[in-house]
């Protein structure tokens, strides 16, 4: 396994795990980046299967991609509370019993998006 393919598999796994947090009726922040793009693709499959969500894109690039994949979109002006945001972090510090460690991370309910709860 090459480093690139290993990273791609990890990104896909992170995207899949993040999208698994999305529940019917949620307002979903849609970030920007390569892993988020994978997540948006997975989310669009769930939407096609009947999941009802509204996406709030963080960039024009994400808005174009989500529209192309038929994810319903809105704005923060219309929905000021986001339930979960799918976005990446280049690196985060995680506390462990052995001390802090730096790791990549993807998404969680307590997200970096200011409107998320």
Protein backbone atom coordinates (compact mmCIF):
# COMPACT_ATOMS: atom_id res chain seq x y z
CA UNK A 1 0.00 0.00 0.00
CA UNK A 2 1.37 3.39 -0.94
CA UNK A 3 1.16 6.34 1.39
CA UNK A 4 -1.27 8.13 -0.95
CA UNK A 5 -3.65 5.18 -1.17
CA UNK A 6 -3.49 4.77 2.61
CA UNK A 7 -4.38 8.43 3.08
CA UNK A 8 -7.20 8.15 0.55
CA UNK A 9 -8.64 5.16 2.41
CA UNK A 10 -8.44 7.04 5.71
CA UNK A 11 -10.16 10.06 4.17
CA UNK A 12 -12.94 7.85 2.81
CA UNK A 13 -13.37 6.17 6.19
CA UNK A 14 -13.45 9.53 7.98
CA UNK A 15 -15.98 10.90 5.49
CA UNK A 16 -18.18 7.84 5.87
CA UNK A 17 -18.06 8.05 9.68
CA UNK A 18 -18.88 11.77 9.61
CA UNK A 19 -21.86 11.33 7.29
CA UNK A 20 -23.12 8.56 9.57
CA UNK A 21 -23.72 11.31 12.19
CA UNK A 22 -26.24 13.00 9.91
CA UNK A 23 -29.85 12.26 10.78
CA UNK A 24 -33.11 12.93 8.99
CA UNK A 25 -34.24 16.55 9.25
CA UNK A 26 -30.84 17.98 10.16
CA UNK A 27 -29.34 21.25 9.00
CA UNK A 28 -25.84 20.28 7.84
CA UNK A 29 -22.89 22.63 7.45
CA UNK A 30 -20.85 21.68 4.38
CA UNK A 31 -17.19 22.63 4.60
CA UNK A 32 -14.53 22.66 1.93
CA UNK A 33 -11.65 20.34 1.13
CA UNK A 34 -10.83 16.93 -0.26
CA UNK A 35 -12.25 14.85 2.59
CA UNK A 36 -15.35 17.02 2.78
CA UNK A 37 -15.85 16.51 -0.94
CA UNK A 38 -15.90 12.75 -0.35
CA UNK A 39 -18.41 13.26 2.46
CA UNK A 40 -20.65 15.38 0.24
CA UNK A 41 -20.69 12.55 -2.29
CA UNK A 42 -21.69 10.06 0.40
CA UNK A 43 -24.31 12.47 1.77
CA UNK A 44 -25.79 12.88 -1.71
CA UNK A 45 -26.26 9.11 -1.94
CA UNK A 46 -28.15 9.16 1.37
CA UNK A 47 -30.27 12.08 0.13
CA UNK A 48 -31.07 10.14 -3.05
CA UNK A 49 -32.16 7.25 -0.79
CA UNK A 50 -34.62 9.53 1.05
CA UNK A 51 -32.65 11.29 3.79
CA UNK A 52 -34.07 14.78 4.29
CA UNK A 53 -31.41 17.39 5.10
CA UNK A 54 -30.64 20.99 4.27
CA UNK A 55 -27.03 21.87 3.56
CA UNK A 56 -25.38 25.18 4.39
CA UNK A 57 -22.25 25.46 2.21
CA UNK A 58 -19.19 27.36 3.43
CA UNK A 59 -17.85 28.20 -0.02
CA UNK A 60 -18.97 28.71 -3.60
CA UNK A 61 -17.05 25.57 -4.59
CA UNK A 62 -18.98 23.50 -2.06
CA UNK A 63 -22.25 25.11 -3.12
CA UNK A 64 -21.64 24.15 -6.77
CA UNK A 65 -20.73 20.59 -5.82
CA UNK A 66 -23.74 20.14 -3.52
CA UNK A 67 -26.13 21.56 -6.13
CA UNK A 68 -24.66 19.27 -8.78
CA UNK A 69 -25.25 16.32 -6.43
CA UNK A 70 -28.80 17.52 -5.64
CA UNK A 71 -28.35 18.22 -1.96
CA UNK A 72 -30.97 20.80 -0.88
CA UNK A 73 -29.25 24.04 0.18
CA UNK A 74 -30.05 27.11 2.19
CA UNK A 75 -28.17 29.89 4.01
CA UNK A 76 -27.37 30.89 7.57
CA UNK A 77 -29.75 33.82 7.10
CA UNK A 78 -32.58 31.29 6.77
CA UNK A 79 -31.28 28.69 9.26
CA UNK A 80 -29.19 30.13 12.07
CA UNK A 81 -28.70 26.79 13.86
CA UNK A 82 -26.63 24.05 12.25
CA UNK A 83 -26.98 20.56 13.72
CA UNK A 84 -23.69 19.14 12.44
CA UNK A 85 -20.94 20.42 10.17
CA UNK A 86 -18.96 18.21 7.82
CA UNK A 87 -15.58 19.85 7.67
CA UNK A 88 -11.98 18.91 8.17
CA UNK A 89 -9.16 19.94 10.39
CA UNK A 90 -5.58 19.72 9.21
CA UNK A 91 -4.43 18.70 12.64
CA UNK A 92 -5.84 18.63 16.15
CA UNK A 93 -4.35 17.88 19.50
CA UNK A 94 -5.91 14.94 21.31
CA UNK A 95 -5.42 14.35 25.02
CA UNK A 96 -4.43 10.77 25.82
CA UNK A 97 -3.24 9.10 29.04
CA UNK A 98 0.26 9.26 27.56
CA UNK A 99 -0.02 13.01 26.94
CA UNK A 100 -1.19 15.15 24.03
CA UNK A 101 -0.88 13.71 20.54
CA UNK A 102 -1.45 15.34 17.19
CA UNK A 103 -3.84 13.60 14.84
CA UNK A 104 -5.91 14.41 11.81
CA UNK A 105 -9.60 14.62 12.43
CA UNK A 106 -12.71 15.05 10.38
CA UNK A 107 -16.07 15.94 11.80
CA UNK A 108 -18.08 15.82 14.97
CA UNK A 109 -21.23 17.38 16.31
CA UNK A 110 -19.25 20.00 18.17
CA UNK A 111 -17.77 21.50 15.03
CA UNK A 112 -15.68 24.54 14.19
CA UNK A 113 -18.64 26.19 12.49
CA UNK A 114 -19.86 29.04 14.71
CA UNK A 115 -23.54 28.29 14.15
CA UNK A 116 -23.26 24.60 14.96
CA UNK A 117 -24.45 23.39 18.33
